[in-house]
N, C-alpha and C. Protein backbone atom coordinates (compact mmCIF):
# COMPACT_ATOMS: atom_id res chain seq x y z
N MET A 1 13.81 -27.71 6.59
CA MET A 1 13.18 -26.65 5.84
C MET A 1 13.71 -26.63 4.42
N GLY A 2 14.99 -26.94 4.21
CA GLY A 2 15.54 -27.04 2.86
C GLY A 2 15.47 -25.73 2.10
N ASP A 3 14.83 -25.77 0.94
CA ASP A 3 14.74 -24.58 0.09
C ASP A 3 13.61 -23.64 0.50
N GLN A 4 12.85 -24.00 1.52
CA GLN A 4 11.76 -23.14 1.95
C GLN A 4 12.29 -21.87 2.60
N ILE A 5 11.54 -20.78 2.42
CA ILE A 5 11.89 -19.50 3.03
C ILE A 5 10.73 -19.05 3.91
N LEU A 6 11.04 -18.70 5.14
CA LEU A 6 10.05 -18.15 6.05
C LEU A 6 10.13 -16.63 5.97
N ILE A 7 9.00 -15.99 5.69
CA ILE A 7 8.91 -14.53 5.75
C ILE A 7 8.23 -14.22 7.08
N SER A 8 9.01 -13.71 8.03
CA SER A 8 8.47 -13.49 9.38
C SER A 8 8.21 -12.02 9.69
N GLY A 9 8.46 -11.17 8.73
CA GLY A 9 8.19 -9.75 8.94
C GLY A 9 8.23 -8.96 7.65
N ILE A 10 7.36 -7.99 7.56
CA ILE A 10 7.39 -7.01 6.47
C ILE A 10 7.29 -5.67 7.17
N ARG A 11 8.27 -4.81 6.94
CA ARG A 11 8.30 -3.54 7.65
C ARG A 11 8.80 -2.42 6.75
N ALA A 12 8.61 -1.20 7.22
CA ALA A 12 9.09 -0.03 6.50
C ALA A 12 10.26 0.58 7.27
N ASN A 13 11.30 0.91 6.55
CA ASN A 13 12.42 1.66 7.11
C ASN A 13 12.22 3.11 6.62
N VAL A 14 11.64 3.95 7.48
CA VAL A 14 11.35 5.33 7.11
C VAL A 14 12.64 6.13 7.17
N THR A 15 13.03 6.70 6.03
CA THR A 15 14.29 7.43 5.93
C THR A 15 14.12 8.94 6.01
N GLU A 16 12.88 9.42 5.81
CA GLU A 16 12.64 10.86 5.84
C GLU A 16 11.17 11.14 6.15
N ARG A 17 10.93 12.14 6.98
CA ARG A 17 9.57 12.59 7.28
C ARG A 17 9.53 14.11 7.12
N ARG A 18 8.53 14.60 6.36
CA ARG A 18 8.34 16.04 6.17
C ARG A 18 6.85 16.35 6.25
N ARG A 19 6.51 17.62 6.13
CA ARG A 19 5.10 18.02 6.09
C ARG A 19 4.41 17.33 4.91
N PRO A 20 3.13 16.94 5.07
CA PRO A 20 2.41 16.31 3.96
C PRO A 20 2.35 17.24 2.75
N VAL A 21 2.33 16.65 1.58
CA VAL A 21 2.17 17.43 0.35
C VAL A 21 0.69 17.47 -0.01
N SER A 22 0.29 18.49 -0.73
CA SER A 22 -1.10 18.59 -1.15
C SER A 22 -1.23 18.01 -2.55
N GLY A 23 -2.44 17.71 -2.95
CA GLY A 23 -2.66 17.17 -4.28
C GLY A 23 -3.97 16.41 -4.34
N THR A 24 -4.10 15.58 -5.32
CA THR A 24 -5.31 14.82 -5.57
C THR A 24 -5.11 13.38 -5.15
N GLY A 25 -6.08 12.81 -4.43
CA GLY A 25 -6.01 11.42 -4.02
C GLY A 25 -6.18 10.49 -5.22
N VAL A 26 -5.41 9.40 -5.24
CA VAL A 26 -5.51 8.39 -6.30
C VAL A 26 -5.60 7.03 -5.64
N ARG A 27 -6.52 6.22 -6.11
CA ARG A 27 -6.70 4.87 -5.57
C ARG A 27 -6.63 3.88 -6.70
N CYS A 28 -5.79 2.86 -6.57
CA CYS A 28 -5.61 1.87 -7.62
C CYS A 28 -5.59 0.48 -6.99
N PRO A 29 -6.76 -0.10 -6.71
CA PRO A 29 -6.78 -1.41 -6.06
C PRO A 29 -6.19 -2.49 -6.97
N SER A 30 -5.62 -3.51 -6.34
CA SER A 30 -5.02 -4.60 -7.10
C SER A 30 -6.09 -5.57 -7.58
N ALA A 31 -5.73 -6.35 -8.57
CA ALA A 31 -6.64 -7.37 -9.10
C ALA A 31 -5.81 -8.46 -9.75
N GLY A 32 -6.37 -9.64 -9.85
CA GLY A 32 -5.67 -10.73 -10.49
C GLY A 32 -6.21 -12.07 -10.04
N ALA A 33 -5.78 -13.12 -10.72
CA ALA A 33 -6.28 -14.46 -10.43
C ALA A 33 -5.57 -15.08 -9.23
N LYS A 34 -4.32 -14.71 -8.98
CA LYS A 34 -3.55 -15.27 -7.88
C LYS A 34 -4.05 -14.71 -6.55
N GLU A 35 -4.01 -15.51 -5.50
CA GLU A 35 -4.39 -15.01 -4.18
C GLU A 35 -3.43 -13.89 -3.78
N ILE A 36 -3.99 -12.77 -3.38
CA ILE A 36 -3.19 -11.62 -2.99
C ILE A 36 -3.36 -11.41 -1.49
N ARG A 37 -2.26 -11.31 -0.77
CA ARG A 37 -2.30 -11.10 0.67
C ARG A 37 -2.12 -9.60 0.94
N SER A 38 -3.05 -9.04 1.67
CA SER A 38 -3.03 -7.62 1.97
C SER A 38 -2.23 -7.36 3.24
N VAL A 39 -1.23 -6.51 3.13
CA VAL A 39 -0.38 -6.14 4.26
C VAL A 39 -0.44 -4.62 4.42
N VAL A 40 -0.76 -4.16 5.63
CA VAL A 40 -0.87 -2.73 5.92
C VAL A 40 0.25 -2.32 6.87
N ILE A 41 0.90 -1.19 6.54
CA ILE A 41 1.99 -0.66 7.36
C ILE A 41 1.66 0.78 7.72
N GLY A 42 1.61 1.09 9.01
CA GLY A 42 1.39 2.46 9.49
C GLY A 42 2.72 3.18 9.63
N LEU A 43 2.98 4.11 8.73
CA LEU A 43 4.27 4.81 8.71
C LEU A 43 4.44 5.79 9.88
N ASP A 44 3.36 6.12 10.59
CA ASP A 44 3.45 7.03 11.73
C ASP A 44 3.98 6.34 12.99
N GLU A 45 4.01 5.03 12.98
CA GLU A 45 4.47 4.27 14.15
C GLU A 45 5.99 4.36 14.31
N ALA A 46 6.47 4.21 15.56
CA ALA A 46 7.90 4.24 15.82
C ALA A 46 8.61 3.09 15.11
N ASP A 47 7.99 1.92 15.06
CA ASP A 47 8.52 0.74 14.36
C ASP A 47 7.46 0.28 13.37
N PRO A 48 7.43 0.87 12.16
CA PRO A 48 6.35 0.56 11.21
C PRO A 48 6.44 -0.87 10.66
N SER A 49 5.68 -1.78 11.28
CA SER A 49 5.68 -3.18 10.89
C SER A 49 4.36 -3.54 10.23
N GLY A 50 4.42 -4.44 9.26
CA GLY A 50 3.24 -4.85 8.52
C GLY A 50 2.33 -5.77 9.30
N VAL A 51 1.05 -5.64 9.03
CA VAL A 51 0.01 -6.49 9.60
C VAL A 51 -0.79 -7.06 8.44
N VAL A 52 -1.03 -8.37 8.45
CA VAL A 52 -1.83 -9.00 7.41
C VAL A 52 -3.29 -8.73 7.71
N VAL A 53 -4.02 -8.24 6.70
CA VAL A 53 -5.43 -7.91 6.86
C VAL A 53 -6.24 -8.79 5.93
N SER A 54 -7.23 -9.47 6.49
CA SER A 54 -8.15 -10.30 5.71
C SER A 54 -9.55 -10.06 6.27
N GLY A 55 -10.32 -9.21 5.58
CA GLY A 55 -11.63 -8.84 6.10
C GLY A 55 -11.44 -8.09 7.40
N SER A 56 -12.06 -8.56 8.48
CA SER A 56 -11.92 -7.90 9.79
C SER A 56 -10.80 -8.53 10.63
N LYS A 57 -10.11 -9.53 10.10
CA LYS A 57 -9.04 -10.21 10.85
C LYS A 57 -7.69 -9.55 10.61
N ARG A 58 -6.89 -9.46 11.67
CA ARG A 58 -5.54 -8.92 11.61
C ARG A 58 -4.60 -9.98 12.19
N SER A 59 -3.43 -10.15 11.55
CA SER A 59 -2.46 -11.11 12.07
C SER A 59 -1.05 -10.65 11.72
N ASN A 60 -0.08 -11.22 12.43
CA ASN A 60 1.32 -10.93 12.14
C ASN A 60 1.72 -11.59 10.84
N VAL A 61 2.77 -11.07 10.23
CA VAL A 61 3.29 -11.65 8.99
C VAL A 61 4.02 -12.94 9.33
N ALA A 62 3.63 -14.05 8.71
CA ALA A 62 4.29 -15.34 8.89
C ALA A 62 3.89 -16.24 7.73
N PHE A 63 4.76 -16.30 6.72
CA PHE A 63 4.47 -17.10 5.53
C PHE A 63 5.68 -17.96 5.20
N THR A 64 5.43 -19.18 4.81
CA THR A 64 6.49 -20.05 4.32
C THR A 64 6.29 -20.24 2.83
N VAL A 65 7.36 -19.99 2.07
CA VAL A 65 7.32 -20.10 0.62
C VAL A 65 8.29 -21.20 0.20
N GLY A 66 7.77 -22.19 -0.52
CA GLY A 66 8.60 -23.29 -0.98
C GLY A 66 9.10 -23.08 -2.39
N PRO A 67 9.94 -24.02 -2.86
CA PRO A 67 10.43 -23.94 -4.24
C PRO A 67 9.26 -23.90 -5.22
N ASN A 68 9.37 -23.09 -6.23
CA ASN A 68 8.36 -22.94 -7.28
C ASN A 68 7.02 -22.41 -6.78
N GLU A 69 6.98 -21.82 -5.58
CA GLU A 69 5.78 -21.18 -5.05
C GLU A 69 5.94 -19.67 -5.14
N THR A 70 4.81 -19.00 -5.27
CA THR A 70 4.80 -17.54 -5.34
C THR A 70 3.83 -17.00 -4.31
N GLU A 71 4.25 -15.98 -3.57
CA GLU A 71 3.36 -15.25 -2.68
C GLU A 71 3.25 -13.84 -3.23
N VAL A 72 2.02 -13.34 -3.32
CA VAL A 72 1.77 -11.99 -3.82
C VAL A 72 1.24 -11.14 -2.67
N PHE A 73 1.89 -10.01 -2.42
CA PHE A 73 1.49 -9.11 -1.35
C PHE A 73 1.03 -7.78 -1.94
N ASP A 74 -0.08 -7.28 -1.44
CA ASP A 74 -0.53 -5.93 -1.76
C ASP A 74 -0.18 -5.10 -0.53
N ILE A 75 0.87 -4.29 -0.63
CA ILE A 75 1.36 -3.52 0.50
C ILE A 75 0.69 -2.14 0.48
N THR A 76 0.02 -1.80 1.57
CA THR A 76 -0.55 -0.46 1.74
C THR A 76 0.17 0.20 2.89
N ALA A 77 1.00 1.21 2.57
CA ALA A 77 1.69 1.98 3.60
C ALA A 77 0.99 3.32 3.68
N TRP A 78 0.65 3.75 4.91
CA TRP A 78 -0.14 4.97 5.05
C TRP A 78 0.35 5.81 6.21
N THR A 79 0.01 7.07 6.16
CA THR A 79 0.36 8.01 7.20
C THR A 79 -0.76 9.04 7.32
N THR A 80 -0.97 9.55 8.51
CA THR A 80 -1.93 10.64 8.69
C THR A 80 -1.22 11.94 9.05
N HIS A 81 0.13 11.90 9.18
CA HIS A 81 0.85 13.06 9.69
C HIS A 81 1.94 13.62 8.79
N CYS A 82 2.44 12.88 7.83
CA CYS A 82 3.64 13.36 7.14
C CYS A 82 3.70 12.91 5.69
N TYR A 83 4.69 13.46 5.01
CA TYR A 83 5.15 12.95 3.72
C TYR A 83 6.38 12.12 4.07
N CYS A 84 6.38 10.84 3.73
CA CYS A 84 7.46 9.94 4.13
C CYS A 84 8.16 9.35 2.92
N LYS A 85 9.46 9.19 3.04
CA LYS A 85 10.23 8.36 2.11
C LYS A 85 10.63 7.13 2.91
N TRP A 86 10.55 5.96 2.26
CA TRP A 86 10.79 4.73 3.01
C TRP A 86 11.21 3.60 2.08
N LEU A 87 11.82 2.58 2.68
CA LEU A 87 12.21 1.35 2.00
C LEU A 87 11.44 0.20 2.62
N LEU A 88 11.05 -0.76 1.82
CA LEU A 88 10.36 -1.94 2.31
C LEU A 88 11.39 -3.00 2.67
N GLU A 89 11.21 -3.63 3.83
CA GLU A 89 12.13 -4.68 4.27
C GLU A 89 11.36 -5.97 4.56
N LEU A 90 11.84 -7.06 4.03
CA LEU A 90 11.29 -8.38 4.31
C LEU A 90 12.27 -9.12 5.22
N VAL A 91 11.79 -9.61 6.35
CA VAL A 91 12.62 -10.39 7.27
C VAL A 91 12.42 -11.85 6.89
N THR A 92 13.48 -12.49 6.42
CA THR A 92 13.38 -13.86 5.92
C THR A 92 14.34 -14.79 6.68
N THR A 93 14.00 -16.08 6.68
CA THR A 93 14.88 -17.09 7.25
C THR A 93 14.90 -18.28 6.29
N GLN A 94 16.11 -18.71 5.96
CA GLN A 94 16.28 -19.90 5.12
C GLN A 94 17.43 -20.72 5.70
N ASP A 95 17.17 -22.00 5.92
CA ASP A 95 18.17 -22.91 6.50
C ASP A 95 18.74 -22.36 7.81
N GLY A 96 17.89 -21.72 8.62
CA GLY A 96 18.31 -21.20 9.91
C GLY A 96 19.01 -19.85 9.87
N ASN A 97 19.24 -19.31 8.69
CA ASN A 97 19.92 -18.03 8.56
C ASN A 97 18.93 -16.91 8.28
N GLN A 98 18.91 -15.92 9.18
CA GLN A 98 17.99 -14.79 8.99
C GLN A 98 18.65 -13.74 8.11
N LYS A 99 17.84 -13.14 7.24
CA LYS A 99 18.33 -12.14 6.31
C LYS A 99 17.24 -11.10 6.11
N VAL A 100 17.62 -9.84 6.02
CA VAL A 100 16.67 -8.78 5.71
C VAL A 100 16.87 -8.40 4.25
N VAL A 101 15.79 -8.53 3.47
CA VAL A 101 15.81 -8.20 2.04
C VAL A 101 15.15 -6.83 1.87
N THR A 102 15.88 -5.89 1.28
CA THR A 102 15.35 -4.54 1.05
C THR A 102 14.75 -4.47 -0.34
N VAL A 103 13.52 -3.92 -0.40
CA VAL A 103 12.81 -3.75 -1.67
C VAL A 103 12.68 -2.25 -1.91
N THR A 104 13.02 -1.82 -3.13
CA THR A 104 12.95 -0.40 -3.49
C THR A 104 11.92 -0.19 -4.59
N ASP A 105 11.70 1.05 -4.90
CA ASP A 105 10.83 1.44 -6.01
C ASP A 105 11.72 1.73 -7.21
N GLY A 106 12.17 0.67 -7.87
CA GLY A 106 13.06 0.83 -9.02
C GLY A 106 14.39 1.46 -8.65
N GLY A 107 14.89 1.18 -7.44
CA GLY A 107 16.15 1.73 -6.98
C GLY A 107 15.98 2.97 -6.11
N ASP A 108 14.79 3.53 -6.08
CA ASP A 108 14.51 4.72 -5.26
C ASP A 108 13.68 4.32 -4.05
N GLU A 109 13.56 5.26 -3.11
CA GLU A 109 12.69 5.06 -1.96
C GLU A 109 11.23 5.19 -2.39
N PHE A 110 10.34 4.54 -1.68
CA PHE A 110 8.91 4.74 -1.87
C PHE A 110 8.55 6.09 -1.25
N GLU A 111 7.49 6.72 -1.75
CA GLU A 111 7.05 8.00 -1.21
C GLU A 111 5.56 7.93 -0.93
N THR A 112 5.17 8.38 0.28
CA THR A 112 3.78 8.34 0.71
C THR A 112 3.48 9.63 1.46
N THR A 113 2.30 10.21 1.21
CA THR A 113 1.90 11.40 1.95
C THR A 113 0.59 11.16 2.68
N ALA A 114 0.31 11.98 3.67
CA ALA A 114 -0.90 11.83 4.48
C ALA A 114 -2.14 11.90 3.61
N TRP A 115 -3.10 11.03 3.93
CA TRP A 115 -4.38 10.96 3.23
C TRP A 115 -5.38 10.43 4.24
N SER A 116 -6.56 10.98 4.30
CA SER A 116 -7.45 10.71 5.42
C SER A 116 -8.14 9.35 5.47
N PRO A 117 -8.42 8.63 4.38
CA PRO A 117 -9.12 7.35 4.55
C PRO A 117 -8.30 6.34 5.36
N ASN A 118 -8.99 5.48 6.09
CA ASN A 118 -8.35 4.44 6.89
C ASN A 118 -8.06 3.24 6.00
N PRO A 119 -6.78 2.87 5.78
CA PRO A 119 -6.46 1.77 4.88
C PRO A 119 -6.88 0.41 5.41
N LEU A 120 -7.25 0.32 6.68
CA LEU A 120 -7.73 -0.96 7.21
C LEU A 120 -9.15 -1.26 6.75
N ASP A 121 -9.86 -0.24 6.25
CA ASP A 121 -11.19 -0.47 5.69
C ASP A 121 -11.03 -1.07 4.30
N GLU A 122 -11.67 -2.21 4.07
CA GLU A 122 -11.54 -2.85 2.77
C GLU A 122 -12.13 -1.99 1.66
N PHE A 123 -13.26 -1.34 1.93
CA PHE A 123 -13.89 -0.44 0.97
C PHE A 123 -14.21 0.87 1.67
N PRO A 124 -13.20 1.73 1.86
CA PRO A 124 -13.45 2.97 2.59
C PRO A 124 -14.41 3.88 1.84
N GLU A 125 -15.14 4.69 2.60
CA GLU A 125 -16.06 5.65 1.98
C GLU A 125 -15.36 6.99 1.91
N PHE A 126 -15.33 7.57 0.72
CA PHE A 126 -14.72 8.86 0.50
C PHE A 126 -15.82 9.83 0.09
N THR A 127 -15.67 11.08 0.49
CA THR A 127 -16.58 12.09 -0.02
C THR A 127 -16.03 12.67 -1.31
N GLY A 128 -14.73 12.48 -1.56
CA GLY A 128 -14.09 12.86 -2.81
C GLY A 128 -14.02 14.35 -2.99
N PRO A 129 -13.75 14.76 -4.20
CA PRO A 129 -13.49 13.88 -5.34
C PRO A 129 -12.08 13.29 -5.31
N TYR A 130 -11.92 12.18 -6.01
CA TYR A 130 -10.63 11.51 -6.13
C TYR A 130 -10.67 10.67 -7.39
N TYR A 131 -9.49 10.24 -7.85
CA TYR A 131 -9.42 9.37 -9.02
C TYR A 131 -9.35 7.91 -8.58
N SER A 132 -10.02 7.04 -9.31
CA SER A 132 -10.01 5.60 -9.05
C SER A 132 -9.76 4.87 -10.36
N TRP A 133 -8.91 3.84 -10.32
CA TRP A 133 -8.57 3.07 -11.51
C TRP A 133 -9.49 1.86 -11.61
N GLY A 134 -10.04 1.60 -12.78
CA GLY A 134 -10.87 0.42 -12.98
C GLY A 134 -11.15 0.20 -14.45
N GLN A 135 -11.15 -1.04 -14.87
CA GLN A 135 -11.47 -1.41 -16.25
C GLN A 135 -10.58 -0.67 -17.25
N GLY A 136 -9.31 -0.47 -16.91
CA GLY A 136 -8.36 0.12 -17.84
C GLY A 136 -8.47 1.62 -18.04
N THR A 137 -9.16 2.31 -17.13
CA THR A 137 -9.29 3.76 -17.25
C THR A 137 -9.41 4.40 -15.87
N TRP A 138 -9.19 5.71 -15.80
CA TRP A 138 -9.36 6.46 -14.56
C TRP A 138 -10.76 7.04 -14.52
N TYR A 139 -11.35 7.06 -13.32
CA TYR A 139 -12.65 7.69 -13.10
C TYR A 139 -12.50 8.76 -12.04
N LEU A 140 -13.07 9.93 -12.28
CA LEU A 140 -13.13 10.96 -11.26
C LEU A 140 -14.36 10.68 -10.43
N GLN A 141 -14.17 10.29 -9.17
CA GLN A 141 -15.27 9.87 -8.32
C GLN A 141 -15.56 10.89 -7.23
N SER A 142 -16.79 10.88 -6.79
CA SER A 142 -17.20 11.63 -5.62
C SER A 142 -18.08 10.68 -4.82
N GLY A 143 -17.67 10.37 -3.59
CA GLY A 143 -18.38 9.34 -2.84
C GLY A 143 -18.20 8.01 -3.55
N ASN A 144 -19.28 7.24 -3.68
CA ASN A 144 -19.21 5.96 -4.37
C ASN A 144 -19.71 6.03 -5.81
N ASP A 145 -19.97 7.24 -6.31
CA ASP A 145 -20.49 7.41 -7.66
C ASP A 145 -19.36 7.59 -8.66
N LEU A 146 -19.37 6.76 -9.73
CA LEU A 146 -18.39 6.94 -10.79
C LEU A 146 -18.73 8.21 -11.55
N GLY A 147 -17.71 9.01 -11.81
CA GLY A 147 -17.91 10.25 -12.53
C GLY A 147 -17.33 10.16 -13.93
N ASP A 148 -16.71 11.26 -14.34
CA ASP A 148 -16.12 11.33 -15.67
C ASP A 148 -15.02 10.30 -15.84
N GLU A 149 -14.85 9.84 -17.06
CA GLU A 149 -13.86 8.82 -17.40
C GLU A 149 -12.68 9.49 -18.10
N TYR A 150 -11.46 9.09 -17.72
CA TYR A 150 -10.24 9.62 -18.33
C TYR A 150 -9.35 8.45 -18.73
N PRO A 151 -8.98 8.34 -20.00
CA PRO A 151 -8.13 7.22 -20.42
C PRO A 151 -6.76 7.31 -19.76
N ALA A 152 -6.09 6.16 -19.68
CA ALA A 152 -4.75 6.11 -19.09
C ALA A 152 -3.84 7.03 -19.87
N GLY A 153 -3.02 7.75 -19.18
CA GLY A 153 -2.09 8.68 -19.80
C GLY A 153 -1.18 9.28 -18.76
N PRO A 154 -0.28 10.17 -19.19
CA PRO A 154 0.71 10.71 -18.26
C PRO A 154 0.16 11.70 -17.25
N THR A 155 -0.96 12.37 -17.54
CA THR A 155 -1.48 13.36 -16.59
C THR A 155 -2.99 13.23 -16.46
N LEU A 156 -3.48 13.64 -15.31
CA LEU A 156 -4.91 13.71 -15.05
C LEU A 156 -5.24 15.15 -14.69
N PRO A 157 -6.42 15.63 -15.05
CA PRO A 157 -6.78 17.00 -14.66
C PRO A 157 -6.93 17.11 -13.15
N ALA A 158 -6.68 18.31 -12.64
CA ALA A 158 -6.82 18.54 -11.20
C ALA A 158 -8.29 18.48 -10.81
N VAL A 159 -8.53 18.06 -9.58
CA VAL A 159 -9.89 18.06 -9.06
C VAL A 159 -10.07 19.29 -8.19
N PRO A 160 -11.30 19.69 -7.89
CA PRO A 160 -11.53 20.95 -7.20
C PRO A 160 -11.10 21.01 -5.74
N THR A 161 -10.75 19.89 -5.08
CA THR A 161 -10.32 19.94 -3.68
C THR A 161 -8.94 19.34 -3.55
N VAL A 162 -8.33 19.53 -2.37
CA VAL A 162 -6.99 19.03 -2.12
C VAL A 162 -6.93 17.53 -2.12
N GLY A 163 -7.96 16.86 -1.66
CA GLY A 163 -7.95 15.41 -1.61
C GLY A 163 -9.23 14.92 -0.95
N PRO A 164 -9.37 13.60 -0.85
CA PRO A 164 -10.60 13.04 -0.28
C PRO A 164 -10.67 13.27 1.22
N THR A 165 -11.86 13.28 1.72
CA THR A 165 -12.06 13.32 3.16
C THR A 165 -12.93 12.14 3.55
N ARG A 166 -12.80 11.72 4.76
CA ARG A 166 -13.55 10.55 5.24
C ARG A 166 -14.86 11.01 5.84
N GLN A 167 -15.93 10.26 5.55
CA GLN A 167 -17.24 10.58 6.12
C GLN A 167 -17.30 10.11 7.55
């Protein structure tokens, strides 16, 4: 295997669970020229482990990365029951030695709160309203219709409901 690294797991180490917080839903899908692998983690599970999602296919995490190779992951961690603080863990093996690499949010835990859309849907339908990022600006959306446009900035105006609901 040499310099190759096997990534055999991506999981969440949930450090805190509390009641969900209220607020406005925000969606910011990834984009780019490099192939992006979508990994979904259900934070409500006893052992929140990542699953690779490609269209309607689901598979366990198993990637080999060689020297000068890059793997890009779009991690979607979701919950329907709580506000969670968590750390991302990558289970790796190199030269027969297994190691768990912890990933933080700039040194802090990641934070996720309950939101009703199913993250396994590639293009979930929302009744909204909610904010969506696209073409360098925020859009206030309701359903699949683009609404008012808001330039990138530190704050967004509140929307009239607590968050999106699923149809």
